[in-house]
Amino acid sequence: MTSRLTRALAAGATAALLSGGLLACGDDQEQEAAPAPTPSSDEERGEQGSRQGARGSDYPSYVALGDSYTSAPFVPETDRDDGCLRSSGNYPSLVAAELGSELTDVSCAGAQTLSLVGVQRTFDGQSRPAQFDALDEDTDLVTLGIGGNDFGLFSTLASGGLAVGEVEADDVVGDITEQLDQVSDRVTSALAGVADRAPDARVILVGYPRLVPAQGTCSALPLDDEALPVARTLNRGLADALENAARRAEVEYVDLYALSQGHDICSDDPWVNGQENDPERALAFHPFAAGQEAVADELLRLLAQTPAEAAR
């Protein structure tokens, strides 16, 4: 992040994401690039749910990779033991249950693209193995949702740290655009890494939902009139960055930004929580059950078709 943008976004960039010791989406965390040791048990690898029916499934082995928009804290029951905050109702769990797949869910709150290949430090100070360690030649299905935590993009948006008073809005947007280009490159490389490690798997990249309304704002989304256009640029730009990565890597893409039209944080039927934590429903600025169910439904719709049919 350039020093110009850092000055503009520093104040309050993470305050709204800290509550009760839980880091929500995550800032740029310190992560080690060295590969982690291969886990010695399913528990250490963060595996959840579901061996029942795996042999009869079209996708017996399903690996879910991603950040907190995949792990979905508080939707509804959340495993806090390893610091990744995976819930029992996140979309990987819903998809695996429907397909009868054996699920290895290594999604983790705060994950960046680097977390796929290196050690991730969780909010409570634990070290989690590289998510790619869960992949192998027997993997049949991979979903990936990543990129929003790189450069602290989503945490900045959600915390209301997009105040542009000290700099021109065009300069802030220019810096964000440059970072989004890098995110797209990183996710493209990540998808190539998935293909290398799981060569026979069907791979689907999952985008991010719409957070910011097309017009106006609300108390659940702490953005002023000056910051709103920048926030919309960031939200839409992240979706475009991931869609571009999927196109370049020639994998399927769930355009959650388009799918969530009318379900932004300020809507009557939001798929993402606002700035107040709700331990019974969702962490602040994170998906509600409805958002996770929508992703699961779209994935199942795609998976009911061949890749060629789904691409039409």
Protein backbone atom coordinates (compact mmCIF):
# COMPACT_ATOMS: atom_id res chain seq x y z
CA MET A 1 0.00 0.00 0.00
CA THR A 2 1.44 3.38 -0.91
CA SER A 3 2.20 5.88 1.83
CA ARG A 4 -0.41 8.25 0.38
CA LEU A 5 -3.18 5.69 0.72
CA THR A 6 -1.87 4.53 4.09
CA ARG A 7 -2.25 8.05 5.51
CA ALA A 8 -5.75 8.32 4.11
CA LEU A 9 -6.97 4.98 5.45
CA ALA A 10 -5.04 4.49 8.67
CA ALA A 11 -7.51 5.99 11.14
CA GLY A 12 -10.04 3.37 12.17
CA ALA A 13 -9.08 0.85 9.52
CA THR A 14 -9.52 -2.12 11.82
CA ALA A 15 -11.56 -0.84 14.78
CA ALA A 16 -14.90 -2.14 13.55
CA LEU A 17 -13.43 -5.57 12.93
CA LEU A 18 -12.36 -6.20 16.50
CA SER A 19 -14.93 -7.37 19.01
CA GLY A 20 -14.51 -9.84 21.84
CA GLY A 21 -11.00 -10.66 20.60
CA LEU A 22 -12.19 -11.85 17.16
CA LEU A 23 -10.58 -10.49 14.02
CA ALA A 24 -13.25 -10.42 11.36
CA CYS A 25 -11.96 -10.22 7.84
CA GLY A 26 -8.40 -9.30 8.67
CA ASP A 27 -5.81 -6.68 7.83
CA ASP A 28 -2.50 -7.41 6.12
CA GLN A 29 -1.29 -9.96 8.65
CA GLU A 30 2.22 -11.19 9.08
CA GLN A 31 2.39 -14.53 7.32
CA GLU A 32 5.39 -16.74 6.75
CA ALA A 33 6.16 -17.75 3.21
CA ALA A 34 7.87 -20.98 4.22
CA PRO A 35 5.65 -24.04 3.70
CA ALA A 36 4.11 -25.50 6.83
CA PRO A 37 4.69 -29.10 7.86
CA THR A 38 2.11 -31.52 6.53
CA PRO A 39 -0.58 -32.00 9.21
CA SER A 40 -0.56 -35.33 10.98
CA SER A 41 -4.33 -35.66 11.46
CA ASP A 42 -7.63 -34.55 9.98
CA GLU A 43 -8.22 -32.32 12.99
CA GLU A 44 -4.92 -30.48 12.48
CA ARG A 45 -5.80 -29.95 8.82
CA GLY A 46 -9.10 -28.37 9.82
CA GLU A 47 -11.22 -31.07 8.23
CA GLN A 48 -14.95 -30.92 8.92
CA GLY A 49 -17.90 -33.16 8.37
CA SER A 50 -18.94 -35.83 6.20
CA ARG A 51 -17.62 -39.05 5.07
CA GLN A 52 -21.13 -40.45 4.69
CA GLY A 53 -21.97 -41.28 1.12
CA ALA A 54 -18.63 -40.04 -0.24
CA ARG A 55 -18.00 -43.13 -2.32
CA GLY A 56 -21.32 -42.71 -4.12
CA SER A 57 -20.82 -39.00 -4.80
CA ASP A 58 -19.83 -37.51 -8.14
CA TYR A 59 -17.28 -35.53 -6.09
CA PRO A 60 -16.08 -37.86 -3.32
CA SER A 61 -13.28 -35.55 -2.16
CA TYR A 62 -14.11 -31.85 -1.81
CA VAL A 63 -11.56 -29.28 -0.58
CA ALA A 64 -12.72 -25.77 0.37
CA LEU A 65 -10.10 -23.01 0.39
CA GLY A 66 -10.61 -19.39 1.34
CA ASP A 67 -11.02 -16.65 3.92
CA SER A 68 -13.77 -15.69 6.36
CA TYR A 69 -16.33 -15.20 3.59
CA THR A 70 -15.98 -18.96 3.18
CA SER A 71 -15.54 -19.94 6.82
CA ALA A 72 -18.57 -17.72 7.71
CA PRO A 73 -18.20 -17.07 11.47
CA PHE A 74 -21.39 -17.52 13.57
CA VAL A 75 -23.43 -19.20 10.79
CA PRO A 76 -24.52 -20.61 13.16
CA GLU A 77 -22.14 -22.81 15.18
CA THR A 78 -18.49 -21.80 14.94
CA ASP A 79 -15.36 -23.82 15.68
CA ARG A 80 -12.94 -21.48 17.46
CA ASP A 81 -10.33 -24.08 18.40
CA ASP A 82 -7.90 -23.45 15.55
CA GLY A 83 -8.55 -19.72 15.12
CA CYS A 84 -10.13 -20.06 11.67
CA LEU A 85 -13.75 -19.55 12.77
CA ARG A 86 -15.39 -22.07 10.44
CA SER A 87 -19.11 -22.46 10.88
CA SER A 88 -21.35 -25.47 10.54
CA GLY A 89 -23.56 -23.63 8.04
CA ASN A 90 -20.96 -22.26 5.64
CA TYR A 91 -21.40 -22.98 1.95
CA PRO A 92 -18.80 -25.78 1.80
CA SER A 93 -20.68 -27.66 4.52
CA LEU A 94 -24.01 -27.19 2.72
CA VAL A 95 -22.59 -28.29 -0.64
CA ALA A 96 -20.79 -31.32 0.80
CA ALA A 97 -23.94 -32.47 2.61
CA GLU A 98 -25.97 -32.23 -0.58
CA LEU A 99 -23.37 -33.99 -2.74
CA GLY A 100 -22.46 -36.62 -0.15
CA SER A 101 -18.83 -35.54 -0.43
CA GLU A 102 -16.03 -35.91 2.08
CA LEU A 103 -15.24 -32.31 2.96
CA THR A 104 -11.84 -30.93 3.90
CA ASP A 105 -12.55 -27.31 4.82
CA VAL A 106 -9.37 -25.33 5.44
CA SER A 107 -10.89 -21.89 4.92
CA CYS A 108 -9.70 -19.50 7.60
CA ALA A 109 -10.64 -16.02 8.84
CA GLY A 110 -8.03 -13.47 7.83
CA ALA A 111 -6.57 -15.61 5.04
CA GLN A 112 -4.80 -13.89 2.17
CA THR A 113 -3.57 -15.40 -1.08
CA LEU A 114 -0.24 -16.03 0.68
CA SER A 115 -2.10 -18.26 3.16
CA LEU A 116 -2.57 -20.79 0.38
CA VAL A 117 1.15 -21.52 0.21
CA GLY A 118 2.55 -20.38 3.56
CA VAL A 119 1.85 -20.39 7.28
CA GLN A 120 -1.02 -18.16 8.41
CA ARG A 121 -1.17 -16.47 11.81
CA THR A 122 -4.72 -16.48 13.13
CA PHE A 123 -6.38 -13.80 15.28
CA ASP A 124 -5.52 -15.72 18.45
CA GLY A 125 -1.86 -16.22 17.55
CA GLN A 126 -1.98 -19.76 16.24
CA SER A 127 -0.12 -20.92 13.14
CA ARG A 128 -2.17 -22.70 10.51
CA PRO A 129 -0.65 -24.78 7.70
CA ALA A 130 -0.68 -23.69 4.09
CA GLN A 131 -4.16 -24.32 2.72
CA PHE A 132 -2.70 -26.00 -0.36
CA ASP A 133 -1.53 -28.83 1.91
CA ALA A 134 -5.11 -30.13 1.78
CA LEU A 135 -4.91 -30.73 -1.99
CA ASP A 136 -3.72 -33.90 -3.69
CA GLU A 137 -4.21 -35.92 -6.85
CA ASP A 138 -7.34 -37.56 -5.44
CA THR A 139 -9.17 -34.26 -4.93
CA ASP A 140 -12.33 -34.13 -7.06
CA LEU A 141 -13.72 -30.66 -6.30
CA VAL A 142 -12.10 -27.42 -5.14
CA THR A 143 -13.79 -24.14 -4.30
CA LEU A 144 -11.71 -21.04 -3.63
CA GLY A 145 -12.76 -17.67 -2.22
CA ILE A 146 -9.77 -15.40 -1.59
CA GLY A 147 -8.26 -11.97 -2.28
CA GLY A 148 -10.32 -9.55 -0.19
CA ASN A 149 -7.80 -9.50 2.66
CA ASP A 150 -4.79 -8.74 0.46
CA PHE A 151 -3.64 -5.14 1.11
CA GLY A 152 -6.29 -4.96 3.86
CA LEU A 153 -8.88 -4.09 1.20
CA PHE A 154 -12.04 -5.48 2.73
CA SER A 155 -11.22 -4.56 6.31
CA THR A 156 -10.59 -0.99 5.17
CA LEU A 157 -13.92 -0.87 3.37
CA ALA A 158 -15.89 -2.41 6.23
CA SER A 159 -14.32 -0.29 8.96
CA GLY A 160 -15.17 3.01 7.32
CA GLY A 161 -11.48 3.81 6.87
CA LEU A 162 -12.11 5.11 3.36
CA ALA A 163 -12.16 8.75 4.39
CA VAL A 164 -10.42 10.63 1.59
CA GLY A 165 -10.11 14.07 3.18
CA GLU A 166 -6.31 14.32 3.03
CA VAL A 167 -5.98 13.23 -0.57
CA GLU A 168 -7.89 13.44 -3.81
CA ALA A 169 -10.47 10.69 -4.23
CA ASP A 170 -9.06 9.99 -7.71
CA ASP A 171 -5.67 9.26 -6.14
CA VAL A 172 -7.22 6.83 -3.66
CA VAL A 173 -9.13 5.08 -6.44
CA GLY A 174 -5.94 4.90 -8.51
CA ASP A 175 -4.07 3.20 -5.69
CA ILE A 176 -6.93 0.76 -5.10
CA THR A 177 -7.11 -0.04 -8.80
CA GLU A 178 -3.40 -0.86 -8.83
CA GLN A 179 -3.83 -3.15 -5.83
CA LEU A 180 -6.84 -4.88 -7.39
CA ASP A 181 -4.75 -5.62 -10.49
CA GLN A 182 -2.23 -7.31 -8.21
CA VAL A 183 -5.00 -9.27 -6.47
CA SER A 184 -6.19 -10.53 -9.84
CA ASP A 185 -2.66 -11.66 -10.70
CA ARG A 186 -2.25 -13.38 -7.34
CA VAL A 187 -5.56 -15.23 -7.62
CA THR A 188 -4.73 -16.28 -11.18
CA SER A 189 -1.45 -17.74 -9.90
CA ALA A 190 -3.29 -19.40 -7.02
CA LEU A 191 -5.68 -21.10 -9.43
CA ALA A 192 -2.70 -22.39 -11.40
CA GLY A 193 -1.34 -23.76 -8.12
CA VAL A 194 -4.60 -25.57 -7.46
CA ALA A 195 -4.45 -27.15 -10.92
CA ASP A 196 -0.89 -28.33 -10.29
CA ARG A 197 -1.75 -29.98 -6.97
CA ALA A 198 -5.20 -31.34 -7.88
CA PRO A 199 -4.96 -31.95 -11.63
CA ASP A 200 -8.23 -33.88 -11.94
CA ALA A 201 -10.36 -31.62 -9.77
CA ARG A 202 -13.21 -29.41 -10.90
CA VAL A 203 -12.24 -25.94 -9.70
CA ILE A 204 -14.68 -23.09 -9.00
CA LEU A 205 -13.70 -19.61 -7.88
CA VAL A 206 -16.26 -17.87 -5.66
CA GLY A 207 -16.45 -14.08 -5.72
CA TYR A 208 -17.49 -11.60 -3.04
CA PRO A 209 -20.99 -10.24 -2.42
CA ARG A 210 -22.29 -6.73 -2.87
CA LEU A 211 -21.81 -4.78 0.37
CA VAL A 212 -22.45 -1.19 -0.70
CA PRO A 213 -25.85 -0.05 -2.02
CA ALA A 214 -26.06 1.56 -5.43
CA GLN A 215 -27.37 4.72 -3.80
CA GLY A 216 -27.08 6.11 -0.29
CA THR A 217 -25.94 4.35 2.85
CA CYS A 218 -27.27 3.37 6.28
CA SER A 219 -26.27 3.10 9.93
CA ALA A 220 -25.12 -0.49 9.41
CA LEU A 221 -22.48 0.68 6.91
CA PRO A 222 -20.32 3.50 8.37
CA LEU A 223 -19.38 5.38 5.21
CA ASP A 224 -19.80 9.10 4.61
CA ASP A 225 -20.78 10.73 1.32
CA GLU A 226 -17.14 11.28 0.40
CA ALA A 227 -16.18 7.65 0.96
CA LEU A 228 -19.17 5.99 -0.67
CA PRO A 229 -18.02 6.28 -4.32
CA VAL A 230 -14.61 4.90 -3.36
CA ALA A 231 -16.23 2.04 -1.47
CA ARG A 232 -18.39 1.17 -4.47
CA THR A 233 -15.31 1.19 -6.68
CA LEU A 234 -13.53 -1.17 -4.31
CA ASN A 235 -16.48 -3.53 -3.92
CA ARG A 236 -17.17 -3.76 -7.65
CA GLY A 237 -13.47 -3.75 -8.53
CA LEU A 238 -12.76 -6.76 -6.32
CA ALA A 239 -15.52 -8.68 -8.06
CA ASP A 240 -14.08 -7.75 -11.46
CA ALA A 241 -10.57 -8.73 -10.34
CA LEU A 242 -11.70 -12.22 -9.39
CA GLU A 243 -13.81 -12.68 -12.48
CA ASN A 244 -10.79 -11.73 -14.58
CA ALA A 245 -8.64 -14.23 -12.67
CA ALA A 246 -11.15 -17.01 -13.31
CA ARG A 247 -11.25 -16.16 -17.00
CA ARG A 248 -7.45 -16.20 -17.33
CA ALA A 249 -7.15 -19.46 -15.39
CA GLU A 250 -10.05 -20.97 -17.37
CA VAL A 251 -12.02 -22.04 -14.31
CA GLU A 252 -15.68 -21.60 -13.43
CA TYR A 253 -16.73 -18.52 -11.48
CA VAL A 254 -19.59 -17.75 -9.10
CA ASP A 255 -20.34 -14.07 -9.66
CA LEU A 256 -21.64 -13.40 -6.17
CA TYR A 257 -21.57 -9.64 -6.76
CA ALA A 258 -24.19 -10.01 -9.48
CA LEU A 259 -26.07 -12.71 -7.59
CA SER A 260 -26.38 -10.50 -4.51
CA GLN A 261 -27.96 -7.52 -6.24
CA GLY A 262 -30.65 -6.19 -3.91
CA HIS A 263 -29.01 -7.89 -0.93
CA ASP A 264 -26.37 -5.33 0.10
CA ILE A 265 -25.85 -4.44 3.76
CA CYS A 266 -28.42 -1.62 3.64
CA SER A 267 -31.12 -3.61 1.84
CA ASP A 268 -34.30 -5.04 3.32
CA ASP A 269 -32.89 -8.54 2.82
CA PRO A 270 -29.11 -8.30 3.38
CA TRP A 271 -26.85 -11.28 2.78
CA VAL A 272 -24.06 -9.65 4.80
CA ASN A 273 -24.18 -8.33 8.36
CA GLY A 274 -23.52 -4.68 9.18
CA GLN A 275 -21.18 -3.21 11.76
CA GLU A 276 -22.76 -4.88 14.83
CA ASN A 277 -21.68 -8.40 15.75
CA ASP A 278 -24.55 -10.86 16.05
CA PRO A 279 -23.23 -14.06 17.71
CA GLU A 280 -26.43 -15.86 16.74
CA ARG A 281 -26.26 -14.96 13.04
CA ALA A 282 -22.99 -13.49 11.74
CA LEU A 283 -19.83 -11.66 12.67
CA ALA A 284 -19.80 -7.97 11.79
CA PHE A 285 -19.43 -7.37 8.03
CA HIS A 286 -19.65 -11.10 7.33
CA PRO A 287 -22.18 -13.30 5.55
CA PHE A 288 -25.52 -14.25 7.04
CA ALA A 289 -26.86 -17.76 6.50
CA ALA A 290 -28.89 -16.48 3.53
CA GLY A 291 -25.70 -15.45 1.74
CA GLN A 292 -24.06 -18.80 2.34
CA GLU A 293 -27.17 -20.64 1.18
CA ALA A 294 -27.21 -18.56 -2.01
CA VAL A 295 -23.60 -19.51 -2.78
CA ALA A 296 -24.33 -23.17 -2.06
CA ASP A 297 -27.38 -23.12 -4.35
CA GLU A 298 -25.38 -21.59 -7.18
CA LEU A 299 -22.54 -24.08 -6.75
CA LEU A 300 -24.98 -26.98 -6.77
CA ARG A 301 -26.62 -25.58 -9.90
CA LEU A 302 -23.25 -25.48 -11.64
CA LEU A 303 -22.23 -28.91 -10.40
CA ALA A 304 -25.44 -30.45 -11.74
CA GLN A 305 -24.07 -29.61 -15.18
CA THR A 306 -20.87 -30.48 -16.96
CA PRO A 307 -18.30 -27.65 -17.08
CA ALA A 308 -19.12 -27.16 -20.77
CA GLU A 309 -22.85 -26.90 -20.05
CA ALA A 310 -22.26 -24.51 -17.14
CA ALA A 311 -20.15 -22.24 -19.36
CA ARG A 312 -22.95 -21.66 -21.87
